[in-house]
Amino acid sequence: MNRTPLFPAATGVRPEALPGTGIRPAHRSGTGPVPVPVPAAVRFLAACPDCRGRFELAAAALRLAIGATRRTTFYTFTCPECGASVRKPAGERIIELLTGGGVRTLRLHTAL
């Protein structure tokens, strides 16, 4: 299993802390998710295990699936260099970075 780290491409800058963007914590006045504005320039460093290419991806190029276990929590993307479909595990830090960077998220439900 390839555990290539996925970090915002801007060195030392977390998506939720970009200066000059006007992003600040949302006030929770109810239930449910609160949309947070994310700069369009957020990009993530990624690597392909097939061709070993390294590249930057926009949030729109990634998908995050959150399941009940480690095996069912992962992110996916298509390698822009070789076209391979890539699926990698997503731990807590990866989930935080991807959701903070505006990556579309799918919550997987288990059967009752």
PDB file of N, CA and C in Angstrom:
ATOM      1  N   MET A   1       0.845  -1.169   0.000  1.00  0.00           N
ATOM      2  CA  MET A   1       0.000   0.000   0.000  1.00  0.00           C
ATOM      3  C   MET A   1       0.890   1.230   0.000  1.00  0.00           C
ATOM      4  N   ASN A   2       0.705   2.113  -0.941  1.00  0.00           N
ATOM      5  CA  ASN A   2       1.491   3.331  -1.048  1.00  0.00           C
ATOM      6  C   ASN A   2       0.909   4.393  -0.136  1.00  0.00           C
ATOM      7  N   ARG A   3       1.696   4.909   0.787  1.00  0.00           N
ATOM      8  CA  ARG A   3       1.220   5.925   1.727  1.00  0.00           C
ATOM      9  C   ARG A   3       1.841   7.281   1.393  1.00  0.00           C
ATOM     10  N   THR A   4       1.753   7.682   0.138  1.00  0.00           N
ATOM     11  CA  THR A   4       2.276   8.966  -0.272  1.00  0.00           C
ATOM     12  C   THR A   4       1.500  10.078   0.418  1.00  0.00           C
ATOM     13  N   PRO A   5       2.211  10.989   1.083  1.00  0.00           N
ATOM     14  CA  PRO A   5       1.489  12.068   1.776  1.00  0.00           C
ATOM     15  C   PRO A   5       0.826  13.009   0.782  1.00  0.00           C
ATOM     16  N   LEU A   6      -0.280  13.554   1.210  1.00  0.00           N
ATOM     17  CA  LEU A   6      -1.028  14.498   0.387  1.00  0.00           C
ATOM     18  C   LEU A   6      -1.156  15.778   1.187  1.00  0.00           C
ATOM     19  N   PHE A   7      -0.462  16.812   0.769  1.00  0.00           N
ATOM     20  CA  PHE A   7      -0.442  18.068   1.491  1.00  0.00           C
ATOM     21  C   PHE A   7      -0.789  19.204   0.554  1.00  0.00           C
ATOM     22  N   PRO A   8      -1.299  20.322   1.085  1.00  0.00           N
ATOM     23  CA  PRO A   8      -1.513  21.474   0.224  1.00  0.00           C
ATOM     24  C   PRO A   8      -0.200  21.873  -0.437  1.00  0.00           C
ATOM     25  N   ALA A   9      -0.240  22.238  -1.688  1.00  0.00           N
ATOM     26  CA  ALA A   9       0.964  22.548  -2.440  1.00  0.00           C
ATOM     27  C   ALA A   9       1.666  23.800  -1.930  1.00  0.00           C
ATOM     28  N   ALA A  10       0.941  24.739  -1.379  1.00  0.00           N
ATOM     29  CA  ALA A  10       1.568  25.943  -0.846  1.00  0.00           C
ATOM     30  C   ALA A  10       2.345  25.557   0.411  1.00  0.00           C
ATOM     31  N   THR A  11       3.647  25.755   0.399  1.00  0.00           N
ATOM     32  CA  THR A  11       4.502  25.327   1.489  1.00  0.00           C
ATOM     33  C   THR A  11       4.119  25.976   2.797  1.00  0.00           C
ATOM     34  N   GLY A  12       3.839  25.153   3.786  1.00  0.00           N
ATOM     35  CA  GLY A  12       3.560  25.635   5.127  1.00  0.00           C
ATOM     36  C   GLY A  12       2.240  26.362   5.296  1.00  0.00           C
ATOM     37  N   VAL A  13       1.366  26.330   4.305  1.00  0.00           N
ATOM     38  CA  VAL A  13       0.097  27.043   4.400  1.00  0.00           C
ATOM     39  C   VAL A  13      -1.035  26.039   4.387  1.00  0.00           C
ATOM     40  N   ARG A  14      -1.860  26.074   5.413  1.00  0.00           N
ATOM     41  CA  ARG A  14      -3.021  25.198   5.475  1.00  0.00           C
ATOM     42  C   ARG A  14      -4.202  25.904   4.836  1.00  0.00           C
ATOM     43  N   PRO A  15      -5.070  25.194   4.117  1.00  0.00           N
ATOM     44  CA  PRO A  15      -6.190  25.842   3.428  1.00  0.00           C
ATOM     45  C   PRO A  15      -7.060  26.683   4.343  1.00  0.00           C
ATOM     46  N   GLU A  16      -7.250  26.269   5.595  1.00  0.00           N
ATOM     47  CA  GLU A  16      -8.112  27.023   6.477  1.00  0.00           C
ATOM     48  C   GLU A  16      -7.414  28.252   7.064  1.00  0.00           C
ATOM     49  N   ALA A  17      -6.147  28.465   6.743  1.00  0.00           N
ATOM     50  CA  ALA A  17      -5.414  29.584   7.310  1.00  0.00           C
ATOM     51  C   ALA A  17      -4.775  30.461   6.240  1.00  0.00           C
ATOM     52  N   LEU A  18      -5.335  30.512   5.057  1.00  0.00           N
ATOM     53  CA  LEU A  18      -4.765  31.338   4.003  1.00  0.00           C
ATOM     54  C   LEU A  18      -5.012  32.815   4.296  1.00  0.00           C
ATOM     55  N   PRO A  19      -3.959  33.609   4.375  1.00  0.00           N
ATOM     56  CA  PRO A  19      -4.139  35.025   4.691  1.00  0.00           C
ATOM     57  C   PRO A  19      -4.808  35.763   3.536  1.00  0.00           C
ATOM     58  N   GLY A  20      -5.592  36.767   3.894  1.00  0.00           N
ATOM     59  CA  GLY A  20      -6.220  37.618   2.891  1.00  0.00           C
ATOM     60  C   GLY A  20      -7.412  37.009   2.183  1.00  0.00           C
ATOM     61  N   THR A  21      -7.917  35.869   2.641  1.00  0.00           N
ATOM     62  CA  THR A  21      -9.035  35.231   1.952  1.00  0.00           C
ATOM     63  C   THR A  21     -10.369  35.534   2.604  1.00  0.00           C
ATOM     64  N   GLY A  22     -10.334  36.040   3.831  1.00  0.00           N
ATOM     65  CA  GLY A  22     -11.576  36.319   4.538  1.00  0.00           C
ATOM     66  C   GLY A  22     -12.187  35.085   5.162  1.00  0.00           C
ATOM     67  N   ILE A  23     -11.462  33.972   5.141  1.00  0.00           N
ATOM     68  CA  ILE A  23     -11.987  32.746   5.733  1.00  0.00           C
ATOM     69  C   ILE A  23     -11.807  32.815   7.240  1.00  0.00           C
ATOM     70  N   ARG A  24     -12.868  32.544   7.957  1.00  0.00           N
ATOM     71  CA  ARG A  24     -12.798  32.488   9.412  1.00  0.00           C
ATOM     72  C   ARG A  24     -13.762  31.410   9.881  1.00  0.00           C
ATOM     73  N   PRO A  25     -13.608  30.953  11.118  1.00  0.00           N
ATOM     74  CA  PRO A  25     -14.487  29.882  11.599  1.00  0.00           C
ATOM     75  C   PRO A  25     -15.952  30.273  11.512  1.00  0.00           C
ATOM     76  N   ALA A  26     -16.775  29.330  11.093  1.00  0.00           N
ATOM     77  CA  ALA A  26     -18.212  29.573  10.991  1.00  0.00           C
ATOM     78  C   ALA A  26     -18.857  29.435  12.357  1.00  0.00           C
ATOM     79  N   HIS A  27     -19.867  30.236  12.620  1.00  0.00           N
ATOM     80  CA  HIS A  27     -20.616  30.126  13.859  1.00  0.00           C
ATOM     81  C   HIS A  27     -21.649  29.028  13.697  1.00  0.00           C
ATOM     82  N   ARG A  28     -21.677  28.102  14.641  1.00  0.00           N
ATOM     83  CA  ARG A  28     -22.608  26.975  14.585  1.00  0.00           C
ATOM     84  C   ARG A  28     -23.906  27.349  15.281  1.00  0.00           C
ATOM     85  N   SER A  29     -24.936  27.667  14.528  1.00  0.00           N
ATOM     86  CA  SER A  29     -26.226  28.030  15.117  1.00  0.00           C
ATOM     87  C   SER A  29     -27.304  27.049  14.691  1.00  0.00           C
ATOM     88  N   GLY A  30     -27.046  25.793  14.884  1.00  0.00           N
ATOM     89  CA  GLY A  30     -28.008  24.768  14.484  1.00  0.00           C
ATOM     90  C   GLY A  30     -27.282  23.474  14.232  1.00  0.00           C
ATOM     91  N   THR A  31     -27.924  22.612  13.494  1.00  0.00           N
ATOM     92  CA  THR A  31     -27.308  21.330  13.211  1.00  0.00           C
ATOM     93  C   THR A  31     -26.968  21.246  11.738  1.00  0.00           C
ATOM     94  N   GLY A  32     -26.153  20.287  11.407  1.00  0.00           N
ATOM     95  CA  GLY A  32     -25.781  20.061  10.020  1.00  0.00           C
ATOM     96  C   GLY A  32     -24.502  20.791   9.644  1.00  0.00           C
ATOM     97  N   PRO A  33     -23.942  20.448   8.499  1.00  0.00           N
ATOM     98  CA  PRO A  33     -22.682  21.061   8.070  1.00  0.00           C
ATOM     99  C   PRO A  33     -22.870  22.523   7.689  1.00  0.00           C
ATOM    100  N   VAL A  34     -21.839  23.281   7.918  1.00  0.00           N
ATOM    101  CA  VAL A  34     -21.831  24.696   7.561  1.00  0.00           C
ATOM    102  C   VAL A  34     -20.855  24.864   6.414  1.00  0.00           C
ATOM    103  N   PRO A  35     -21.303  25.372   5.260  1.00  0.00           N
ATOM    104  CA  PRO A  35     -20.379  25.549   4.140  1.00  0.00           C
ATOM    105  C   PRO A  35     -19.327  26.600   4.493  1.00  0.00           C
ATOM    106  N   VAL A  36     -18.086  26.298   4.148  1.00  0.00           N
ATOM    107  CA  VAL A  36     -16.980  27.206   4.398  1.00  0.00           C
ATOM    108  C   VAL A  36     -16.387  27.585   3.057  1.00  0.00           C
ATOM    109  N   PRO A  37     -16.238  28.889   2.778  1.00  0.00           N
ATOM    110  CA  PRO A  37     -15.642  29.282   1.501  1.00  0.00           C
ATOM    111  C   PRO A  37     -14.180  28.853   1.431  1.00  0.00           C
ATOM    112  N   VAL A  38     -13.780  28.323   0.277  1.00  0.00           N
ATOM    113  CA  VAL A  38     -12.418  27.850   0.071  1.00  0.00           C
ATOM    114  C   VAL A  38     -11.868  28.530  -1.170  1.00  0.00           C
ATOM    115  N   PRO A  39     -10.653  29.053  -1.097  1.00  0.00           N
ATOM    116  CA  PRO A  39     -10.070  29.695  -2.279  1.00  0.00           C
ATOM    117  C   PRO A  39      -9.932  28.702  -3.433  1.00  0.00           C
ATOM    118  N   ALA A  40     -10.189  29.158  -4.636  1.00  0.00           N
ATOM    119  CA  ALA A  40     -10.106  28.287  -5.814  1.00  0.00           C
ATOM    120  C   ALA A  40      -8.671  27.839  -6.079  1.00  0.00           C
ATOM    121  N   ALA A  41      -7.687  28.538  -5.521  1.00  0.00           N
ATOM    122  CA  ALA A  41      -6.284  28.237  -5.795  1.00  0.00           C
ATOM    123  C   ALA A  41      -5.725  27.107  -4.933  1.00  0.00           C
ATOM    124  N   VAL A  42      -6.526  26.491  -4.062  1.00  0.00           N
ATOM    125  CA  VAL A  42      -6.021  25.397  -3.235  1.00  0.00           C
ATOM    126  C   VAL A  42      -5.688  24.216  -4.138  1.00  0.00           C
ATOM    127  N   ARG A  43      -4.447  23.740  -4.018  1.00  0.00           N
ATOM    128  CA  ARG A  43      -3.996  22.600  -4.810  1.00  0.00           C
ATOM    129  C   ARG A  43      -3.292  21.637  -3.872  1.00  0.00           C
ATOM    130  N   PHE A  44      -3.303  20.354  -4.242  1.00  0.00           N
ATOM    131  CA  PHE A  44      -2.727  19.313  -3.409  1.00  0.00           C
ATOM    132  C   PHE A  44      -1.638  18.584  -4.173  1.00  0.00           C
ATOM    133  N   LEU A  45      -0.564  18.234  -3.482  1.00  0.00           N
ATOM    134  CA  LEU A  45       0.485  17.418  -4.074  1.00  0.00           C
ATOM    135  C   LEU A  45       0.061  15.957  -3.974  1.00  0.00           C
ATOM    136  N   ALA A  46       0.242  15.215  -5.046  1.00  0.00           N
ATOM    137  CA  ALA A  46      -0.118  13.805  -5.053  1.00  0.00           C
ATOM    138  C   ALA A  46       0.883  13.050  -5.919  1.00  0.00           C
ATOM    139  N   ALA A  47       0.826  11.734  -5.837  1.00  0.00           N
ATOM    140  CA  ALA A  47       1.720  10.893  -6.633  1.00  0.00           C
ATOM    141  C   ALA A  47       0.954   9.664  -7.098  1.00  0.00           C
ATOM    142  N   CYS A  48       1.341   9.174  -8.253  1.00  0.00           N
ATOM    143  CA  CYS A  48       0.719   7.974  -8.832  1.00  0.00           C
ATOM    144  C   CYS A  48       1.604   6.760  -8.545  1.00  0.00           C
ATOM    145  N   PRO A  49       1.046   5.704  -7.947  1.00  0.00           N
ATOM    146  CA  PRO A  49       1.847   4.502  -7.687  1.00  0.00           C
ATOM    147  C   PRO A  49       2.164   3.707  -8.965  1.00  0.00           C
ATOM    148  N   ASP A  50       1.406   3.935 -10.040  1.00  0.00           N
ATOM    149  CA  ASP A  50       1.642   3.199 -11.285  1.00  0.00           C
ATOM    150  C   ASP A  50       2.809   3.768 -12.086  1.00  0.00           C
ATOM    151  N   CYS A  51       2.743   5.058 -12.405  1.00  0.00           N
ATOM    152  CA  CYS A  51       3.791   5.675 -13.233  1.00  0.00           C
ATOM    153  C   CYS A  51       4.813   6.438 -12.393  1.00  0.00           C
ATOM    154  N   ARG A  52       4.558   6.541 -11.092  1.00  0.00           N
ATOM    155  CA  ARG A  52       5.413   7.253 -10.147  1.00  0.00           C
ATOM    156  C   ARG A  52       5.510   8.749 -10.438  1.00  0.00           C
ATOM    157  N   GLY A  53       4.544   9.267 -11.170  1.00  0.00           N
ATOM    158  CA  GLY A  53       4.494  10.695 -11.446  1.00  0.00           C
ATOM    159  C   GLY A  53       4.098  11.468 -10.199  1.00  0.00           C
ATOM    160  N   ARG A  54       4.614  12.678 -10.063  1.00  0.00           N
ATOM    161  CA  ARG A  54       4.266  13.568  -8.953  1.00  0.00           C
ATOM    162  C   ARG A  54       3.697  14.836  -9.576  1.00  0.00           C
ATOM    163  N   PHE A  55       2.597  15.348  -9.005  1.00  0.00           N
ATOM    164  CA  PHE A  55       1.897  16.459  -9.628  1.00  0.00           C
ATOM    165  C   PHE A  55       1.024  17.164  -8.609  1.00  0.00           C
ATOM    166  N   GLU A  56       0.462  18.291  -9.006  1.00  0.00           N
ATOM    167  CA  GLU A  56      -0.493  19.029  -8.196  1.00  0.00           C
ATOM    168  C   GLU A  56      -1.887  18.812  -8.750  1.00  0.00           C
ATOM    169  N   LEU A  57      -2.858  18.680  -7.851  1.00  0.00           N
ATOM    170  CA  LEU A  57      -4.250  18.498  -8.256  1.00  0.00           C
ATOM    171  C   LEU A  57      -5.114  19.551  -7.585  1.00  0.00           C
ATOM    172  N   ALA A  58      -6.088  20.061  -8.318  1.00  0.00           N
ATOM    173  CA  ALA A  58      -7.083  20.951  -7.737  1.00  0.00           C
ATOM    174  C   ALA A  58      -8.062  20.118  -6.919  1.00  0.00           C
ATOM    175  N   ALA A  59      -8.760  20.751  -6.002  1.00  0.00           N
ATOM    176  CA  ALA A  59      -9.729  20.050  -5.157  1.00  0.00           C
ATOM    177  C   ALA A  59     -10.774  19.320  -5.995  1.00  0.00           C
ATOM    178  N   ALA A  60     -11.152  19.881  -7.134  1.00  0.00           N
ATOM    179  CA  ALA A  60     -12.171  19.264  -7.987  1.00  0.00           C
ATOM    180  C   ALA A  60     -11.705  17.940  -8.597  1.00  0.00           C
ATOM    181  N   ALA A  61     -10.398  17.687  -8.617  1.00  0.00           N
ATOM    182  CA  ALA A  61      -9.871  16.453  -9.209  1.00  0.00           C
ATOM    183  C   ALA A  61      -9.836  15.297  -8.214  1.00  0.00           C
ATOM    184  N   LEU A  62     -10.147  15.573  -6.949  1.00  0.00           N
ATOM    185  CA  LEU A  62     -10.101  14.557  -5.898  1.00  0.00           C
ATOM    186  C   LEU A  62     -11.493  14.259  -5.383  1.00  0.00           C
ATOM    187  N   ARG A  63     -11.680  13.043  -4.879  1.00  0.00           N
ATOM    188  CA  ARG A  63     -12.920  12.649  -4.204  1.00  0.00           C
ATOM    189  C   ARG A  63     -12.523  11.949  -2.918  1.00  0.00           C
ATOM    190  N   LEU A  64     -13.250  12.220  -1.844  1.00  0.00           N
ATOM    191  CA  LEU A  64     -12.985  11.616  -0.547  1.00  0.00           C
ATOM    192  C   LEU A  64     -14.193  10.785  -0.145  1.00  0.00           C
ATOM    193  N   ALA A  65     -13.966   9.549   0.255  1.00  0.00           N
ATOM    194  CA  ALA A  65     -15.034   8.677   0.746  1.00  0.00           C
ATOM    195  C   ALA A  65     -14.719   8.348   2.204  1.00  0.00           C
ATOM    196  N   ILE A  66     -15.684   8.620   3.086  1.00  0.00           N
ATOM    197  CA  ILE A  66     -15.496   8.365   4.505  1.00  0.00           C
ATOM    198  C   ILE A  66     -16.417   7.224   4.915  1.00  0.00           C
ATOM    199  N   GLY A  67     -15.804   6.133   5.329  1.00  0.00           N
ATOM    200  CA  GLY A  67     -16.560   4.958   5.738  1.00  0.00           C
ATOM    201  C   GLY A  67     -16.434   4.706   7.229  1.00  0.00           C
ATOM    202  N   ALA A  68     -16.921   3.566   7.660  1.00  0.00           N
ATOM    203  CA  ALA A  68     -16.924   3.218   9.079  1.00  0.00           C
ATOM    204  C   ALA A  68     -15.566   2.707   9.562  1.00  0.00           C
ATOM    205  N   THR A  69     -14.713   2.270   8.640  1.00  0.00           N
ATOM    206  CA  THR A  69     -13.408   1.709   9.015  1.00  0.00           C
ATOM    207  C   THR A  69     -12.302   2.344   8.191  1.00  0.00           C
ATOM    208  N   ARG A  70     -11.067   2.018   8.538  1.00  0.00           N
ATOM    209  CA  ARG A  70      -9.915   2.507   7.766  1.00  0.00           C
ATOM    210  C   ARG A  70      -9.956   2.003   6.327  1.00  0.00           C
ATOM    211  N   ARG A  71     -10.419   0.769   6.153  1.00  0.00           N
ATOM    212  CA  ARG A  71     -10.473   0.184   4.805  1.00  0.00           C
ATOM    213  C   ARG A  71     -11.487   0.885   3.912  1.00  0.00           C
ATOM    214  N   THR A  72     -12.506   1.471   4.512  1.00  0.00           N
ATOM    215  CA  THR A  72     -13.548   2.118   3.709  1.00  0.00           C
ATOM    216  C   THR A  72     -13.447   3.638   3.737  1.00  0.00           C
ATOM    217  N   THR A  73     -12.313   4.161   4.200  1.00  0.00           N
ATOM    218  CA  THR A  73     -12.070   5.605   4.176  1.00  0.00           C
ATOM    219  C   THR A  73     -10.868   5.844   3.275  1.00  0.00           C
ATOM    220  N   PHE A  74     -11.105   6.536   2.158  1.00  0.00           N
ATOM    221  CA  PHE A  74     -10.065   6.690   1.146  1.00  0.00           C
ATOM    222  C   PHE A  74     -10.341   7.910   0.283  1.00  0.00           C
ATOM    223  N   TYR A  75      -9.332   8.301  -0.498  1.00  0.00           N
ATOM    224  CA  TYR A  75      -9.535   9.345  -1.501  1.00  0.00           C
ATOM    225  C   TYR A  75      -9.111   8.793  -2.854  1.00  0.00           C
ATOM    226  N   THR A  76      -9.696   9.336  -3.896  1.00  0.00           N
ATOM    227  CA  THR A  76      -9.407   8.865  -5.247  1.00  0.00           C
ATOM    228  C   THR A  76      -9.123  10.043  -6.171  1.00  0.00           C
ATOM    229  N   PHE A  77      -8.381   9.745  -7.221  1.00  0.00           N
ATOM    230  CA  PHE A  77      -8.133  10.710  -8.288  1.00  0.00           C
ATOM    231  C   PHE A  77      -7.667   9.945  -9.517  1.00  0.00           C
ATOM    232  N   THR A  78      -7.687  10.603 -10.649  1.00  0.00           N
ATOM    233  CA  THR A  78      -7.168  10.029 -11.882  1.00  0.00           C
ATOM    234  C   THR A  78      -5.822  10.668 -12.165  1.00  0.00           C
ATOM    235  N   CYS A  79      -4.815   9.850 -12.388  1.00  0.00           N
ATOM    236  CA  CYS A  79      -3.474  10.364 -12.657  1.00  0.00           C
ATOM    237  C   CYS A  79      -3.493  11.160 -13.967  1.00  0.00           C
ATOM    238  N   PRO A  80      -3.065  12.419 -13.925  1.00  0.00           N
ATOM    239  CA  PRO A  80      -3.059  13.211 -15.155  1.00  0.00           C
ATOM    240  C   PRO A  80      -1.958  12.801 -16.133  1.00  0.00           C
ATOM    241  N   GLU A  81      -0.999  12.010 -15.674  1.00  0.00           N
ATOM    242  CA  GLU A  81       0.107  11.608 -16.542  1.00  0.00           C
ATOM    243  C   GLU A  81      -0.148  10.287 -17.262  1.00  0.00           C
ATOM    244  N   CYS A  82      -0.712   9.291 -16.546  1.00  0.00           N
ATOM    245  CA  CYS A  82      -0.920   7.988 -17.188  1.00  0.00           C
ATOM    246  C   CYS A  82      -2.394   7.593 -17.288  1.00  0.00           C
ATOM    247  N   GLY A  83      -3.287   8.347 -16.645  1.00  0.00           N
ATOM    248  CA  GLY A  83      -4.715   8.068 -16.725  1.00  0.00           C
ATOM    249  C   GLY A  83      -5.212   6.980 -15.781  1.00  0.00           C
ATOM    250  N   ALA A  84      -4.332   6.476 -14.913  1.00  0.00           N
ATOM    251  CA  ALA A  84      -4.734   5.414 -13.977  1.00  0.00           C
ATOM    252  C   ALA A  84      -5.663   5.976 -12.907  1.00  0.00           C
ATOM    253  N   SER A  85      -6.624   5.163 -12.492  1.00  0.00           N
ATOM    254  CA  SER A  85      -7.495   5.514 -11.378  1.00  0.00           C
ATOM    255  C   SER A  85      -6.759   5.123 -10.098  1.00  0.00           C
ATOM    256  N   VAL A  86      -6.566   6.088  -9.204  1.00  0.00           N
ATOM    257  CA  VAL A  86      -5.770   5.869  -7.997  1.00  0.00           C
ATOM    258  C   VAL A  86      -6.675   5.962  -6.776  1.00  0.00           C
ATOM    259  N   ARG A  87      -6.523   5.007  -5.858  1.00  0.00           N
ATOM    260  CA  ARG A  87      -7.264   5.001  -4.599  1.00  0.00           C
ATOM    261  C   ARG A  87      -6.246   4.836  -3.477  1.00  0.00           C
ATOM    262  N   LYS A  88      -6.295   5.763  -2.503  1.00  0.00           N
ATOM    263  CA  LYS A  88      -5.348   5.721  -1.393  1.00  0.00           C
ATOM    264  C   LYS A  88      -6.093   5.876  -0.075  1.00  0.00           C
ATOM    265  N   PRO A  89      -5.554   5.272   0.992  1.00  0.00           N
ATOM    266  CA  PRO A  89      -6.205   5.391   2.295  1.00  0.00           C
ATOM    267  C   PRO A  89      -6.144   6.824   2.807  1.00  0.00           C
ATOM    268  N   ALA A  90      -7.148   7.218   3.588  1.00  0.00           N
ATOM    269  CA  ALA A  90      -7.196   8.568   4.149  1.00  0.00           C
ATOM    270  C   ALA A  90      -7.326   8.484   5.666  1.00  0.00           C
ATOM    271  N   GLY A  91      -6.273   8.873   6.352  1.00  0.00           N
ATOM    272  CA  GLY A  91      -6.305   8.951   7.811  1.00  0.00           C
ATOM    273  C   GLY A  91      -6.929  10.272   8.239  1.00  0.00           C
ATOM    274  N   GLU A  92      -6.927  10.514   9.528  1.00  0.00           N
ATOM    275  CA  GLU A  92      -7.569  11.715  10.067  1.00  0.00           C
ATOM    276  C   GLU A  92      -6.979  12.996   9.504  1.00  0.00           C
ATOM    277  N   ARG A  93      -5.656  13.078   9.409  1.00  0.00           N
ATOM    278  CA  ARG A  93      -5.007  14.305   8.904  1.00  0.00           C
ATOM    279  C   ARG A  93      -5.353  14.542   7.435  1.00  0.00           C
ATOM    280  N   ILE A  94      -5.347  13.497   6.637  1.00  0.00           N
ATOM    281  CA  ILE A  94      -5.700  13.622   5.219  1.00  0.00           C
ATOM    282  C   ILE A  94      -7.146  14.082   5.083  1.00  0.00           C
ATOM    283  N   ILE A  95      -8.041  13.510   5.877  1.00  0.00           N
ATOM    284  CA  ILE A  95      -9.448  13.918   5.841  1.00  0.00           C
ATOM    285  C   ILE A  95      -9.571  15.401   6.171  1.00  0.00           C
ATOM    286  N   GLU A  96      -8.855  15.848   7.187  1.00  0.00           N
ATOM    287  CA  GLU A  96      -8.885  17.256   7.593  1.00  0.00           C
ATOM    288  C   GLU A  96      -8.395  18.169   6.472  1.00  0.00           C
ATOM    289  N   LEU A  97      -7.289  17.798   5.841  1.00  0.00           N
ATOM    290  CA  LEU A  97      -6.739  18.619   4.755  1.00  0.00           C
ATOM    291  C   LEU A  97      -7.672  18.662   3.542  1.00  0.00           C
ATOM    292  N   LEU A  98      -8.194  17.510   3.151  1.00  0.00           N
ATOM    293  CA  LEU A  98      -9.047  17.454   1.966  1.00  0.00           C
ATOM    294  C   LEU A  98     -10.371  18.187   2.176  1.00  0.00           C
ATOM    295  N   THR A  99     -11.020  17.960   3.309  1.00  0.00           N
ATOM    296  CA  THR A  99     -12.288  18.653   3.545  1.00  0.00           C
ATOM    297  C   THR A  99     -12.055  20.152   3.718  1.00  0.00           C
ATOM    298  N   GLY A 100     -10.961  20.534   4.380  1.00  0.00           N
ATOM    299  CA  GLY A 100     -10.635  21.948   4.526  1.00  0.00           C
ATOM    300  C   GLY A 100     -10.293  22.615   3.206  1.00  0.00           C
ATOM    301  N   GLY A 101      -9.835  21.811   2.247  1.00  0.00           N
ATOM    302  CA  GLY A 101      -9.470  22.337   0.936  1.00  0.00           C
ATOM    303  C   GLY A 101     -10.588  22.283  -0.087  1.00  0.00           C
ATOM    304  N   GLY A 102     -11.785  21.860   0.328  1.00  0.00           N
ATOM    305  CA  GLY A 102     -12.928  21.889  -0.578  1.00  0.00           C
ATOM    306  C   GLY A 102     -13.136  20.653  -1.427  1.00  0.00           C
ATOM    307  N   VAL A 103     -12.504  19.534  -1.083  1.00  0.00           N
ATOM    308  CA  VAL A 103     -12.688  18.289  -1.847  1.00  0.00           C
ATOM    309  C   VAL A 103     -14.075  17.724  -1.569  1.00  0.00           C
ATOM    310  N   ARG A 104     -14.761  17.289  -2.624  1.00  0.00           N
ATOM    311  CA  ARG A 104     -16.095  16.700  -2.468  1.00  0.00           C
ATOM    312  C   ARG A 104     -15.991  15.416  -1.675  1.00  0.00           C
ATOM    313  N   THR A 105     -16.916  15.265  -0.725  1.00  0.00           N
ATOM    314  CA  THR A 105     -16.872  14.143   0.208  1.00  0.00           C
ATOM    315  C   THR A 105     -18.134  13.304   0.120  1.00  0.00           C
ATOM    316  N   LEU A 106     -17.943  11.999   0.152  1.00  0.00           N
ATOM    317  CA  LEU A 106     -19.046  11.043   0.154  1.00  0.00           C
ATOM    318  C   LEU A 106     -18.962  10.268   1.454  1.00  0.00           C
ATOM    319  N   ARG A 107     -20.050  10.265   2.207  1.00  0.00           N
ATOM    320  CA  ARG A 107     -20.097   9.481   3.450  1.00  0.00           C
ATOM    321  C   ARG A 107     -20.744   8.143   3.128  1.00  0.00           C
ATOM    322  N   LEU A 108     -20.004   7.071   3.371  1.00  0.00           N
ATOM    323  CA  LEU A 108     -20.484   5.721   3.111  1.00  0.00           C
ATOM    324  C   LEU A 108     -21.248   5.234   4.333  1.00  0.00           C
ATOM    325  N   HIS A 109     -22.418   4.666   4.113  1.00  0.00           N
ATOM    326  CA  HIS A 109     -23.248   4.175   5.193  1.00  0.00           C
ATOM    327  C   HIS A 109     -23.176   2.661   5.245  1.00  0.00           C
ATOM    328  N   THR A 110     -23.298   2.117   6.441  1.00  0.00           N
ATOM    329  CA  THR A 110     -23.320   0.670   6.592  1.00  0.00           C
ATOM    330  C   THR A 110     -24.760   0.215   6.673  1.00  0.00           C
ATOM    331  N   ALA A 111     -25.003  -1.032   6.309  1.00  0.00           N
ATOM    332  CA  ALA A 111     -26.354  -1.585   6.364  1.00  0.00           C
ATOM    333  C   ALA A 111     -26.786  -1.727   7.819  1.00  0.00           C
ATOM    334  N   LEU A 112     -28.048  -1.464   8.097  1.00  0.00           N
ATOM    335  CA  LEU A 112     -28.558  -1.579   9.470  1.00  0.00           C
ATOM    336  C   LEU A 112     -28.940  -2.977   9.811  1.00  0.00           C
TER     337      LEU A 112
END
